[in-house]
Full PDB file with SEQRES, HELIX, SHEET, SSBOND, CRYST1, ORIGX, SCALE, CONECT and MASTER records, all heavy atoms in Angstrom:
SEQRES   1 A   42  GLU ILE THR ASP LEU MET GLU TYR PHE GLU LYS THR ALA          
SEQRES   2 A   42  GLY LYS PRO THR GLU VAL GLY SER ASN LEU THR SER SER          
SEQRES   3 A   42  ALA SER SER ASN ILE ALA ALA LEU LEU PHE GLY LYS ARG          
SEQRES   4 A   42  LEU LYS TYR                                                  
HELIX    1 AA1 ILE A    2  GLU A   10  1                                   9    
HELIX    2 AA2 GLY A   20  PHE A   36  1                                  17    
CRYST1    1.000    1.000    1.000  90.00  90.00  90.00 P 1           1          
ORIGX1      1.000000  0.000000  0.000000        0.00000                         
ORIGX2      0.000000  1.000000  0.000000        0.00000                         
ORIGX3      0.000000  0.000000  1.000000        0.00000                         
SCALE1      1.000000  0.000000  0.000000        0.00000                         
SCALE2      0.000000  1.000000  0.000000        0.00000                         
SCALE3      0.000000  0.000000  1.000000        0.00000                         
ATOM      1  N   GLU A   1       0.152  -3.626  -5.199  1.00  0.00           N  
ATOM      2  CA  GLU A   1      -0.871  -2.653  -5.705  1.00  0.00           C  
ATOM      3  C   GLU A   1      -0.433  -2.062  -7.010  1.00  0.00           C  
ATOM      4  O   GLU A   1      -1.292  -1.926  -7.922  1.00  0.00           O  
ATOM      5  CB  GLU A   1      -0.977  -1.568  -4.574  1.00  0.00           C  
ATOM      6  CG  GLU A   1      -2.224  -0.718  -4.712  1.00  0.00           C  
ATOM      7  CD  GLU A   1      -3.464  -1.521  -4.623  1.00  0.00           C  
ATOM      8  OE1 GLU A   1      -3.604  -2.373  -3.675  1.00  0.00           O  
ATOM      9  OE2 GLU A   1      -4.383  -1.330  -5.458  1.00  0.00           O  
ATOM     10  N   ILE A   2       0.829  -1.713  -7.109  1.00  0.00           N  
ATOM     11  CA  ILE A   2       1.339  -1.117  -8.370  1.00  0.00           C  
ATOM     12  C   ILE A   2       1.176  -2.101  -9.534  1.00  0.00           C  
ATOM     13  O   ILE A   2       0.793  -1.733 -10.633  1.00  0.00           O  
ATOM     14  CB  ILE A   2       2.840  -0.670  -8.207  1.00  0.00           C  
ATOM     15  CG1 ILE A   2       2.958   0.501  -7.279  1.00  0.00           C  
ATOM     16  CG2 ILE A   2       3.458  -0.291  -9.523  1.00  0.00           C  
ATOM     17  CD1 ILE A   2       4.315   0.806  -6.852  1.00  0.00           C  
ATOM     18  N   THR A   3       1.527  -3.357  -9.246  1.00  0.00           N  
ATOM     19  CA  THR A   3       1.449  -4.406 -10.368  1.00  0.00           C  
ATOM     20  C   THR A   3      -0.004  -4.514 -10.831  1.00  0.00           C  
ATOM     21  O   THR A   3      -0.258  -4.525 -12.047  1.00  0.00           O  
ATOM     22  CB  THR A   3       1.955  -5.750  -9.822  1.00  0.00           C  
ATOM     23  OG1 THR A   3       3.323  -5.589  -9.418  1.00  0.00           O  
ATOM     24  CG2 THR A   3       1.858  -6.816 -10.860  1.00  0.00           C  
ATOM     25  N   ASP A   4      -0.967  -4.583  -9.948  1.00  0.00           N  
ATOM     26  CA  ASP A   4      -2.381  -4.679 -10.323  1.00  0.00           C  
ATOM     27  C   ASP A   4      -2.775  -3.421 -11.141  1.00  0.00           C  
ATOM     28  O   ASP A   4      -3.484  -3.569 -12.146  1.00  0.00           O  
ATOM     29  CB  ASP A   4      -3.268  -4.743  -9.104  1.00  0.00           C  
ATOM     30  CG  ASP A   4      -3.270  -6.152  -8.463  1.00  0.00           C  
ATOM     31  OD1 ASP A   4      -2.598  -7.069  -9.060  1.00  0.00           O  
ATOM     32  OD2 ASP A   4      -3.896  -6.395  -7.407  1.00  0.00           O  
ATOM     33  N   LEU A   5      -2.362  -2.251 -10.670  1.00  0.00           N  
ATOM     34  CA  LEU A   5      -2.785  -1.047 -11.399  1.00  0.00           C  
ATOM     35  C   LEU A   5      -2.159  -0.980 -12.766  1.00  0.00           C  
ATOM     36  O   LEU A   5      -2.842  -0.575 -13.798  1.00  0.00           O  
ATOM     37  CB  LEU A   5      -2.322   0.197 -10.585  1.00  0.00           C  
ATOM     38  CG  LEU A   5      -2.836   1.525 -11.041  1.00  0.00           C  
ATOM     39  CD1 LEU A   5      -4.322   1.616 -11.047  1.00  0.00           C  
ATOM     40  CD2 LEU A   5      -2.277   2.666 -10.128  1.00  0.00           C  
ATOM     41  N   MET A   6      -0.857  -1.402 -12.908  1.00  0.00           N  
ATOM     42  CA  MET A   6      -0.250  -1.338 -14.237  1.00  0.00           C  
ATOM     43  C   MET A   6      -0.928  -2.359 -15.177  1.00  0.00           C  
ATOM     44  O   MET A   6      -0.970  -2.080 -16.405  1.00  0.00           O  
ATOM     45  CB  MET A   6       1.267  -1.598 -14.103  1.00  0.00           C  
ATOM     46  CG  MET A   6       1.960  -0.442 -13.434  1.00  0.00           C  
ATOM     47  SD  MET A   6       3.790  -0.434 -13.710  1.00  0.00           S  
ATOM     48  CE  MET A   6       4.197  -1.965 -12.970  1.00  0.00           C  
ATOM     49  N   GLU A   7      -1.346  -3.485 -14.622  1.00  0.00           N  
ATOM     50  CA  GLU A   7      -2.045  -4.434 -15.492  1.00  0.00           C  
ATOM     51  C   GLU A   7      -3.344  -3.872 -16.066  1.00  0.00           C  
ATOM     52  O   GLU A   7      -3.746  -4.104 -17.132  1.00  0.00           O  
ATOM     53  CB  GLU A   7      -2.290  -5.723 -14.700  1.00  0.00           C  
ATOM     54  CG  GLU A   7      -1.086  -6.637 -14.487  1.00  0.00           C  
ATOM     55  CD  GLU A   7      -1.367  -7.832 -13.630  1.00  0.00           C  
ATOM     56  OE1 GLU A   7      -2.558  -7.972 -13.170  1.00  0.00           O  
ATOM     57  OE2 GLU A   7      -0.423  -8.589 -13.422  1.00  0.00           O  
ATOM     58  N   TYR A   8      -3.979  -3.068 -15.190  1.00  0.00           N  
ATOM     59  CA  TYR A   8      -5.237  -2.382 -15.580  1.00  0.00           C  
ATOM     60  C   TYR A   8      -4.958  -1.487 -16.753  1.00  0.00           C  
ATOM     61  O   TYR A   8      -5.655  -1.415 -17.795  1.00  0.00           O  
ATOM     62  CB  TYR A   8      -5.886  -1.652 -14.474  1.00  0.00           C  
ATOM     63  CG  TYR A   8      -6.997  -0.677 -14.920  1.00  0.00           C  
ATOM     64  CD1 TYR A   8      -8.294  -1.253 -15.159  1.00  0.00           C  
ATOM     65  CD2 TYR A   8      -6.805   0.632 -15.165  1.00  0.00           C  
ATOM     66  CE1 TYR A   8      -9.284  -0.421 -15.608  1.00  0.00           C  
ATOM     67  CE2 TYR A   8      -7.795   1.460 -15.582  1.00  0.00           C  
ATOM     68  CZ  TYR A   8      -9.068   0.953 -15.826  1.00  0.00           C  
ATOM     69  OH  TYR A   8     -10.022   1.811 -16.253  1.00  0.00           O  
ATOM     70  N   PHE A   9      -3.887  -0.600 -16.606  1.00  0.00           N  
ATOM     71  CA  PHE A   9      -3.553   0.358 -17.636  1.00  0.00           C  
ATOM     72  C   PHE A   9      -3.093  -0.253 -18.945  1.00  0.00           C  
ATOM     73  O   PHE A   9      -3.239   0.273 -20.001  1.00  0.00           O  
ATOM     74  CB  PHE A   9      -2.605   1.382 -17.127  1.00  0.00           C  
ATOM     75  CG  PHE A   9      -3.214   2.440 -16.224  1.00  0.00           C  
ATOM     76  CD1 PHE A   9      -2.871   2.559 -14.881  1.00  0.00           C  
ATOM     77  CD2 PHE A   9      -4.204   3.308 -16.718  1.00  0.00           C  
ATOM     78  CE1 PHE A   9      -3.467   3.491 -14.109  1.00  0.00           C  
ATOM     79  CE2 PHE A   9      -4.782   4.274 -15.942  1.00  0.00           C  
ATOM     80  CZ  PHE A   9      -4.382   4.335 -14.624  1.00  0.00           C  
ATOM     81  N   GLU A  10      -2.447  -1.444 -18.797  1.00  0.00           N  
ATOM     82  CA  GLU A  10      -2.096  -2.185 -20.023  1.00  0.00           C  
ATOM     83  C   GLU A  10      -3.291  -2.513 -20.886  1.00  0.00           C  
ATOM     84  O   GLU A  10      -3.254  -2.527 -22.127  1.00  0.00           O  
ATOM     85  CB  GLU A  10      -1.361  -3.485 -19.658  1.00  0.00           C  
ATOM     86  CG  GLU A  10       0.182  -3.341 -19.548  1.00  0.00           C  
ATOM     87  CD  GLU A  10       0.845  -4.692 -19.414  1.00  0.00           C  
ATOM     88  OE1 GLU A  10       1.015  -5.312 -20.527  1.00  0.00           O  
ATOM     89  OE2 GLU A  10       1.183  -5.111 -18.307  1.00  0.00           O  
ATOM     90  N   LYS A  11      -4.420  -2.811 -20.224  1.00  0.00           N  
ATOM     91  CA  LYS A  11      -5.632  -3.201 -20.910  1.00  0.00           C  
ATOM     92  C   LYS A  11      -6.285  -2.002 -21.688  1.00  0.00           C  
ATOM     93  O   LYS A  11      -7.161  -2.164 -22.547  1.00  0.00           O  
ATOM     94  CB  LYS A  11      -6.644  -3.757 -19.957  1.00  0.00           C  
ATOM     95  CG  LYS A  11      -6.217  -5.186 -19.391  1.00  0.00           C  
ATOM     96  CD  LYS A  11      -7.141  -5.621 -18.304  1.00  0.00           C  
ATOM     97  CE  LYS A  11      -6.605  -6.847 -17.604  1.00  0.00           C  
ATOM     98  NZ  LYS A  11      -7.400  -7.242 -16.433  1.00  0.00           N  
ATOM     99  N   THR A  12      -5.856  -0.809 -21.333  1.00  0.00           N  
ATOM    100  CA  THR A  12      -6.424   0.386 -22.060  1.00  0.00           C  
ATOM    101  C   THR A  12      -5.909   0.462 -23.477  1.00  0.00           C  
ATOM    102  O   THR A  12      -6.411   1.241 -24.298  1.00  0.00           O  
ATOM    103  CB  THR A  12      -6.172   1.695 -21.341  1.00  0.00           C  
ATOM    104  OG1 THR A  12      -4.731   1.957 -21.252  1.00  0.00           O  
ATOM    105  CG2 THR A  12      -6.709   1.696 -19.908  1.00  0.00           C  
ATOM    106  N   ALA A  13      -4.793  -0.260 -23.774  1.00  0.00           N  
ATOM    107  CA  ALA A  13      -4.251  -0.436 -25.067  1.00  0.00           C  
ATOM    108  C   ALA A  13      -3.954   0.929 -25.749  1.00  0.00           C  
ATOM    109  O   ALA A  13      -4.295   1.173 -26.901  1.00  0.00           O  
ATOM    110  CB  ALA A  13      -5.206  -1.284 -25.967  1.00  0.00           C  
ATOM    111  N   GLY A  14      -3.429   1.855 -25.016  1.00  0.00           N  
ATOM    112  CA  GLY A  14      -3.085   3.152 -25.612  1.00  0.00           C  
ATOM    113  C   GLY A  14      -4.224   4.125 -25.910  1.00  0.00           C  
ATOM    114  O   GLY A  14      -4.000   5.052 -26.630  1.00  0.00           O  
ATOM    115  N   LYS A  15      -5.383   3.755 -25.350  1.00  0.00           N  
ATOM    116  CA  LYS A  15      -6.576   4.632 -25.569  1.00  0.00           C  
ATOM    117  C   LYS A  15      -6.596   5.719 -24.463  1.00  0.00           C  
ATOM    118  O   LYS A  15      -6.144   5.477 -23.341  1.00  0.00           O  
ATOM    119  CB  LYS A  15      -7.802   3.878 -25.492  1.00  0.00           C  
ATOM    120  CG  LYS A  15      -7.969   2.912 -26.707  1.00  0.00           C  
ATOM    121  CD  LYS A  15      -9.215   2.043 -26.520  1.00  0.00           C  
ATOM    122  CE  LYS A  15      -9.369   0.956 -27.609  1.00  0.00           C  
ATOM    123  NZ  LYS A  15     -10.477   0.083 -27.436  1.00  0.00           N  
ATOM    124  N   PRO A  16      -7.040   6.902 -24.822  1.00  0.00           N  
ATOM    125  CA  PRO A  16      -7.120   7.979 -23.760  1.00  0.00           C  
ATOM    126  C   PRO A  16      -7.934   7.491 -22.536  1.00  0.00           C  
ATOM    127  O   PRO A  16      -9.022   6.945 -22.709  1.00  0.00           O  
ATOM    128  CB  PRO A  16      -7.864   9.157 -24.507  1.00  0.00           C  
ATOM    129  CG  PRO A  16      -7.594   8.898 -25.949  1.00  0.00           C  
ATOM    130  CD  PRO A  16      -7.512   7.390 -26.084  1.00  0.00           C  
ATOM    131  N   THR A  17      -7.367   7.699 -21.375  1.00  0.00           N  
ATOM    132  CA  THR A  17      -7.997   7.293 -20.160  1.00  0.00           C  
ATOM    133  C   THR A  17      -7.709   8.270 -19.031  1.00  0.00           C  
ATOM    134  O   THR A  17      -6.703   8.903 -18.992  1.00  0.00           O  
ATOM    135  CB  THR A  17      -7.574   5.865 -19.742  1.00  0.00           C  
ATOM    136  OG1 THR A  17      -8.272   5.450 -18.647  1.00  0.00           O  
ATOM    137  CG2 THR A  17      -6.095   5.797 -19.407  1.00  0.00           C  
ATOM    138  N   GLU A  18      -8.619   8.383 -18.080  1.00  0.00           N  
ATOM    139  CA  GLU A  18      -8.453   9.272 -16.898  1.00  0.00           C  
ATOM    140  C   GLU A  18      -7.697   8.458 -15.868  1.00  0.00           C  
ATOM    141  O   GLU A  18      -8.225   7.469 -15.346  1.00  0.00           O  
ATOM    142  CB  GLU A  18      -9.769   9.774 -16.401  1.00  0.00           C  
ATOM    143  CG  GLU A  18      -9.670  10.953 -15.490  1.00  0.00           C  
ATOM    144  CD  GLU A  18     -10.999  11.487 -15.057  1.00  0.00           C  
ATOM    145  OE1 GLU A  18     -11.847  11.809 -15.918  1.00  0.00           O  
ATOM    146  OE2 GLU A  18     -11.244  11.598 -13.829  1.00  0.00           O  
ATOM    147  N   VAL A  19      -6.578   8.975 -15.491  1.00  0.00           N  
ATOM    148  CA  VAL A  19      -5.670   8.272 -14.554  1.00  0.00           C  
ATOM    149  C   VAL A  19      -6.105   8.478 -13.094  1.00  0.00           C  
ATOM    150  O   VAL A  19      -6.045   7.536 -12.314  1.00  0.00           O  
ATOM    151  CB  VAL A  19      -4.218   8.694 -14.757  1.00  0.00           C  
ATOM    152  CG1 VAL A  19      -3.292   8.154 -13.686  1.00  0.00           C  
ATOM    153  CG2 VAL A  19      -3.679   8.411 -16.176  1.00  0.00           C  
ATOM    154  N   GLY A  20      -6.565   9.659 -12.755  1.00  0.00           N  
ATOM    155  CA  GLY A  20      -6.732  10.004 -11.402  1.00  0.00           C  
ATOM    156  C   GLY A  20      -7.698   9.126 -10.568  1.00  0.00           C  
ATOM    157  O   GLY A  20      -7.362   8.739  -9.445  1.00  0.00           O  
ATOM    158  N   SER A  21      -8.818   8.759 -11.103  1.00  0.00           N  
ATOM    159  CA  SER A  21      -9.800   7.922 -10.346  1.00  0.00           C  
ATOM    160  C   SER A  21      -9.215   6.529  -9.996  1.00  0.00           C  
ATOM    161  O   SER A  21      -9.519   6.020  -8.942  1.00  0.00           O  
ATOM    162  CB  SER A  21     -11.127   7.719 -11.170  1.00  0.00           C  
ATOM    163  OG  SER A  21     -10.814   7.195 -12.419  1.00  0.00           O  
ATOM    164  N   ASN A  22      -8.380   6.033 -10.854  1.00  0.00           N  
ATOM    165  CA  ASN A  22      -7.783   4.723 -10.620  1.00  0.00           C  
ATOM    166  C   ASN A  22      -6.698   4.838  -9.541  1.00  0.00           C  
ATOM    167  O   ASN A  22      -6.429   3.943  -8.780  1.00  0.00           O  
ATOM    168  CB  ASN A  22      -7.209   4.127 -11.876  1.00  0.00           C  
ATOM    169  CG  ASN A  22      -8.276   3.801 -12.884  1.00  0.00           C  
ATOM    170  OD1 ASN A  22      -9.031   2.794 -12.692  1.00  0.00           O  
ATOM    171  ND2 ASN A  22      -8.391   4.511 -13.936  1.00  0.00           N  
ATOM    172  N   LEU A  23      -6.004   5.990  -9.547  1.00  0.00           N  
ATOM    173  CA  LEU A  23      -4.967   6.227  -8.540  1.00  0.00           C  
ATOM    174  C   LEU A  23      -5.580   6.337  -7.120  1.00  0.00           C  
ATOM    175  O   LEU A  23      -4.967   5.965  -6.165  1.00  0.00           O  
ATOM    176  CB  LEU A  23      -4.144   7.493  -8.887  1.00  0.00           C  
ATOM    177  CG  LEU A  23      -3.205   7.384 -10.074  1.00  0.00           C  
ATOM    178  CD1 LEU A  23      -2.686   8.758 -10.444  1.00  0.00           C  
ATOM    179  CD2 LEU A  23      -2.016   6.474  -9.789  1.00  0.00           C  
ATOM    180  N   THR A  24      -6.741   6.969  -7.034  1.00  0.00           N  
ATOM    181  CA  THR A  24      -7.442   7.085  -5.751  1.00  0.00           C  
ATOM    182  C   THR A  24      -7.642   5.727  -5.071  1.00  0.00           C  
ATOM    183  O   THR A  24      -7.273   5.531  -3.909  1.00  0.00           O  
ATOM    184  CB  THR A  24      -8.832   7.802  -5.922  1.00  0.00           C  
ATOM    185  OG1 THR A  24      -8.683   9.102  -6.437  1.00  0.00           O  
ATOM    186  CG2 THR A  24      -9.597   7.811  -4.580  1.00  0.00           C  
ATOM    187  N   SER A  25      -8.218   4.756  -5.879  1.00  0.00           N  
ATOM    188  CA  SER A  25      -8.430   3.466  -5.334  1.00  0.00           C  
ATOM    189  C   SER A  25      -7.136   2.785  -4.887  1.00  0.00           C  
ATOM    190  O   SER A  25      -7.071   2.164  -3.863  1.00  0.00           O  
ATOM    191  CB  SER A  25      -9.115   2.569  -6.404  1.00  0.00           C  
ATOM    192  OG  SER A  25      -9.227   1.272  -6.061  1.00  0.00           O  
ATOM    193  N   SER A  26      -6.072   2.925  -5.676  1.00  0.00           N  
ATOM    194  CA  SER A  26      -4.785   2.289  -5.383  1.00  0.00           C  
ATOM    195  C   SER A  26      -4.129   2.889  -4.143  1.00  0.00           C  
ATOM    196  O   SER A  26      -3.688   2.138  -3.221  1.00  0.00           O  
ATOM    197  CB  SER A  26      -3.861   2.404  -6.607  1.00  0.00           C  
ATOM    198  OG  SER A  26      -2.782   1.532  -6.513  1.00  0.00           O  
ATOM    199  N   ALA A  27      -4.129   4.197  -4.034  1.00  0.00           N  
ATOM    200  CA  ALA A  27      -3.420   4.872  -2.907  1.00  0.00           C  
ATOM    201  C   ALA A  27      -4.198   4.527  -1.606  1.00  0.00           C  
ATOM    202  O   ALA A  27      -3.597   4.352  -0.566  1.00  0.00           O  
ATOM    203  CB  ALA A  27      -3.382   6.364  -3.165  1.00  0.00           C  
ATOM    204  N   SER A  28      -5.565   4.495  -1.649  1.00  0.00           N  
ATOM    205  CA  SER A  28      -6.329   4.265  -0.446  1.00  0.00           C  
ATOM    206  C   SER A  28      -6.117   2.834   0.055  1.00  0.00           C  
ATOM    207  O   SER A  28      -6.155   2.606   1.241  1.00  0.00           O  
ATOM    208  CB  SER A  28      -7.781   4.495  -0.673  1.00  0.00           C  
ATOM    209  OG  SER A  28      -8.351   3.532  -1.604  1.00  0.00           O  
ATOM    210  N   SER A  29      -5.853   1.929  -0.866  1.00  0.00           N  
ATOM    211  CA  SER A  29      -5.610   0.515  -0.443  1.00  0.00           C  
ATOM    212  C   SER A  29      -4.288   0.401   0.364  1.00  0.00           C  
ATOM    213  O   SER A  29      -4.207  -0.377   1.286  1.00  0.00           O  
ATOM    214  CB  SER A  29      -5.495  -0.374  -1.690  1.00  0.00           C  
ATOM    215  OG  SER A  29      -5.298  -1.720  -1.286  1.00  0.00           O  
ATOM    216  N   ASN A  30      -3.283   1.255   0.039  1.00  0.00           N  
ATOM    217  CA  ASN A  30      -2.058   1.228   0.793  1.00  0.00           C  
ATOM    218  C   ASN A  30      -2.263   1.734   2.224  1.00  0.00           C  
ATOM    219  O   ASN A  30      -1.725   1.136   3.163  1.00  0.00           O  
ATOM    220  CB  ASN A  30      -1.005   2.112   0.041  1.00  0.00           C  
ATOM    221  CG  ASN A  30      -0.618   1.500  -1.272  1.00  0.00           C  
ATOM    222  OD1 ASN A  30      -0.572   0.325  -1.468  1.00  0.00           O  
ATOM    223  ND2 ASN A  30      -0.287   2.404  -2.191  1.00  0.00           N  
ATOM    224  N   ILE A  31      -3.075   2.821   2.377  1.00  0.00           N  
ATOM    225  CA  ILE A  31      -3.336   3.299   3.693  1.00  0.00           C  
ATOM    226  C   ILE A  31      -4.162   2.301   4.493  1.00  0.00           C  
ATOM    227  O   ILE A  31      -3.999   2.065   5.704  1.00  0.00           O  
ATOM    228  CB  ILE A  31      -4.092   4.651   3.625  1.00  0.00           C  
ATOM    229  CG1 ILE A  31      -3.221   5.735   2.964  1.00  0.00           C  
ATOM    230  CG2 ILE A  31      -4.461   5.159   5.016  1.00  0.00           C  
ATOM    231  CD1 ILE A  31      -1.883   6.085   3.714  1.00  0.00           C  
ATOM    232  N   ALA A  32      -5.095   1.598   3.772  1.00  0.00           N  
ATOM    233  CA  ALA A  32      -5.920   0.586   4.493  1.00  0.00           C  
ATOM    234  C   ALA A  32      -5.030  -0.538   4.982  1.00  0.00           C  
ATOM    235  O   ALA A  32      -5.207  -1.048   6.051  1.00  0.00           O  
ATOM    236  CB  ALA A  32      -6.936   0.019   3.459  1.00  0.00           C  
ATOM    237  N   ALA A  33      -3.954  -0.886   4.263  1.00  0.00           N  
ATOM    238  CA  ALA A  33      -3.056  -1.914   4.691  1.00  0.00           C  
ATOM    239  C   ALA A  33      -2.314  -1.489   5.910  1.00  0.00           C  
ATOM    240  O   ALA A  33      -2.081  -2.297   6.851  1.00  0.00           O  
ATOM    241  CB  ALA A  33      -2.043  -2.258   3.589  1.00  0.00           C  
ATOM    242  N   LEU A  34      -1.920  -0.242   6.017  1.00  0.00           N  
ATOM    243  CA  LEU A  34      -1.225   0.301   7.105  1.00  0.00           C  
ATOM    244  C   LEU A  34      -2.150   0.326   8.351  1.00  0.00           C  
ATOM    245  O   LEU A  34      -1.687  -0.029   9.470  1.00  0.00           O  
ATOM    246  CB  LEU A  34      -0.777   1.759   6.820  1.00  0.00           C  
ATOM    247  CG  LEU A  34      -0.092   2.477   7.961  1.00  0.00           C  
ATOM    248  CD1 LEU A  34       1.293   1.958   8.215  1.00  0.00           C  
ATOM    249  CD2 LEU A  34       0.049   3.978   7.604  1.00  0.00           C  
ATOM    250  N   LEU A  35      -3.378   0.664   8.185  1.00  0.00           N  
ATOM    251  CA  LEU A  35      -4.349   0.837   9.279  1.00  0.00           C  
ATOM    252  C   LEU A  35      -4.854  -0.543   9.750  1.00  0.00           C  
ATOM    253  O   LEU A  35      -4.896  -0.810  10.954  1.00  0.00           O  
ATOM    254  CB  LEU A  35      -5.534   1.616   8.876  1.00  0.00           C  
ATOM    255  CG  LEU A  35      -5.342   3.156   8.712  1.00  0.00           C  
ATOM    256  CD1 LEU A  35      -6.569   3.769   8.008  1.00  0.00           C  
ATOM    257  CD2 LEU A  35      -5.101   3.815  10.082  1.00  0.00           C  
ATOM    258  N   PHE A  36      -5.239  -1.381   8.803  1.00  0.00           N  
ATOM    259  CA  PHE A  36      -5.928  -2.579   9.131  1.00  0.00           C  
ATOM    260  C   PHE A  36      -5.107  -3.843   8.974  1.00  0.00           C  
ATOM    261  O   PHE A  36      -5.643  -4.991   9.186  1.00  0.00           O  
ATOM    262  CB  PHE A  36      -7.190  -2.697   8.228  1.00  0.00           C  
ATOM    263  CG  PHE A  36      -8.018  -1.482   8.240  1.00  0.00           C  
ATOM    264  CD1 PHE A  36      -8.453  -0.929   6.956  1.00  0.00           C  
ATOM    265  CD2 PHE A  36      -8.361  -0.803   9.329  1.00  0.00           C  
ATOM    266  CE1 PHE A  36      -9.202   0.220   6.894  1.00  0.00           C  
ATOM    267  CE2 PHE A  36      -9.136   0.369   9.273  1.00  0.00           C  
ATOM    268  CZ  PHE A  36      -9.546   0.840   8.050  1.00  0.00           C  
ATOM    269  N   GLY A  37      -3.892  -3.750   8.454  1.00  0.00           N  
ATOM    270  CA  GLY A  37      -2.953  -4.884   8.386  1.00  0.00           C  
ATOM    271  C   GLY A  37      -3.149  -5.756   7.194  1.00  0.00           C  
ATOM    272  O   GLY A  37      -2.517  -6.803   7.095  1.00  0.00           O  
ATOM    273  N   LYS A  38      -4.065  -5.398   6.273  1.00  0.00           N  
ATOM    274  CA  LYS A  38      -4.271  -6.259   5.094  1.00  0.00           C  
ATOM    275  C   LYS A  38      -4.706  -5.434   3.932  1.00  0.00           C  
ATOM    276  O   LYS A  38      -5.321  -4.382   4.103  1.00  0.00           O  
ATOM    277  CB  LYS A  38      -5.375  -7.348   5.361  1.00  0.00           C  
ATOM    278  CG  LYS A  38      -6.676  -6.781   5.821  1.00  0.00           C  
ATOM    279  CD  LYS A  38      -7.622  -7.925   6.265  1.00  0.00           C  
ATOM    280  CE  LYS A  38      -8.924  -7.299   6.798  1.00  0.00           C  
ATOM    281  NZ  LYS A  38      -9.783  -8.289   7.400  1.00  0.00           N  
ATOM    282  N   ARG A  39      -4.318  -5.848   2.730  1.00  0.00           N  
ATOM    283  CA  ARG A  39      -4.673  -5.103   1.514  1.00  0.00           C  
ATOM    284  C   ARG A  39      -5.970  -5.599   0.987  1.00  0.00           C  
ATOM    285  O   ARG A  39      -6.233  -6.856   0.933  1.00  0.00           O  
ATOM    286  CB  ARG A  39      -3.566  -5.444   0.427  1.00  0.00           C  
ATOM    287  CG  ARG A  39      -3.749  -4.761  -0.837  1.00  0.00           C  
ATOM    288  CD  ARG A  39      -2.547  -4.960  -1.770  1.00  0.00           C  
ATOM    289  NE  ARG A  39      -2.901  -4.700  -3.146  1.00  0.00           N  
ATOM    290  CZ  ARG A  39      -3.231  -5.614  -4.024  1.00  0.00           C  
ATOM    291  NH1 ARG A  39      -3.204  -6.862  -3.712  1.00  0.00           N  
ATOM    292  NH2 ARG A  39      -3.538  -5.281  -5.246  1.00  0.00           N  
ATOM    293  N   LEU A  40      -6.832  -4.679   0.609  1.00  0.00           N  
ATOM    294  CA  LEU A  40      -8.158  -5.050   0.084  1.00  0.00           C  
ATOM    295  C   LEU A  40      -8.046  -5.201  -1.430  1.00  0.00           C  
ATOM    296  O   LEU A  40      -7.494  -4.397  -2.176  1.00  0.00           O  
ATOM    297  CB  LEU A  40      -9.156  -3.957   0.358  1.00  0.00           C  
ATOM    298  CG  LEU A  40      -9.392  -3.666   1.880  1.00  0.00           C  
ATOM    299  CD1 LEU A  40     -10.351  -2.464   2.061  1.00  0.00           C  
ATOM    300  CD2 LEU A  40      -9.965  -4.874   2.561  1.00  0.00           C  
ATOM    301  N   LYS A  41      -8.605  -6.286  -1.985  1.00  0.00           N  
ATOM    302  CA  LYS A  41      -8.602  -6.601  -3.406  1.00  0.00           C  
ATOM    303  C   LYS A  41      -9.539  -5.584  -4.168  1.00  0.00           C  
ATOM    304  O   LYS A  41     -10.402  -4.974  -3.557  1.00  0.00           O  
ATOM    305  CB  LYS A  41      -9.095  -7.997  -3.713  1.00  0.00           C  
ATOM    306  CG  LYS A  41      -8.154  -9.062  -3.245  1.00  0.00           C  
ATOM    307  CD  LYS A  41      -6.827  -9.055  -4.097  1.00  0.00           C  
ATOM    308  CE  LYS A  41      -5.919 -10.177  -3.693  1.00  0.00           C  
ATOM    309  NZ  LYS A  41      -4.671 -10.173  -4.499  1.00  0.00           N  
ATOM    310  N   TYR A  42      -9.229  -5.373  -5.439  1.00  0.00           N  
ATOM    311  CA  TYR A  42      -9.967  -4.361  -6.231  1.00  0.00           C  
ATOM    312  C   TYR A  42     -11.476  -4.510  -6.168  1.00  0.00           C  
ATOM    313  O   TYR A  42     -12.171  -3.528  -6.108  1.00  0.00           O  
ATOM    314  CB  TYR A  42      -9.497  -4.384  -7.692  1.00  0.00           C  
ATOM    315  CG  TYR A  42      -8.449  -3.376  -7.988  1.00  0.00           C  
ATOM    316  CD1 TYR A  42      -7.157  -3.452  -7.437  1.00  0.00           C  
ATOM    317  CD2 TYR A  42      -8.710  -2.276  -8.832  1.00  0.00           C  
ATOM    318  CE1 TYR A  42      -6.194  -2.494  -7.701  1.00  0.00           C  
ATOM    319  CE2 TYR A  42      -7.784  -1.357  -9.104  1.00  0.00           C  
ATOM    320  CZ  TYR A  42      -6.478  -1.474  -8.548  1.00  0.00           C  
ATOM    321  OH  TYR A  42      -5.551  -0.515  -8.765  1.00  0.00           O  
TER     322      TYR A  42                                                      
MASTER        0    0    0    2    0    0    0    6  321    1    0    4          
END                                                                             
């Protein structure tokens, strides 16, 4: 999940971006893996 998220931020190429909304999606995927046994793709 971290690798996917960092690849996304690499594409922002140093431009101002809001981090929080992307973190929500990433953190929820980890809990989904714990609950349902599998990670959901972006």
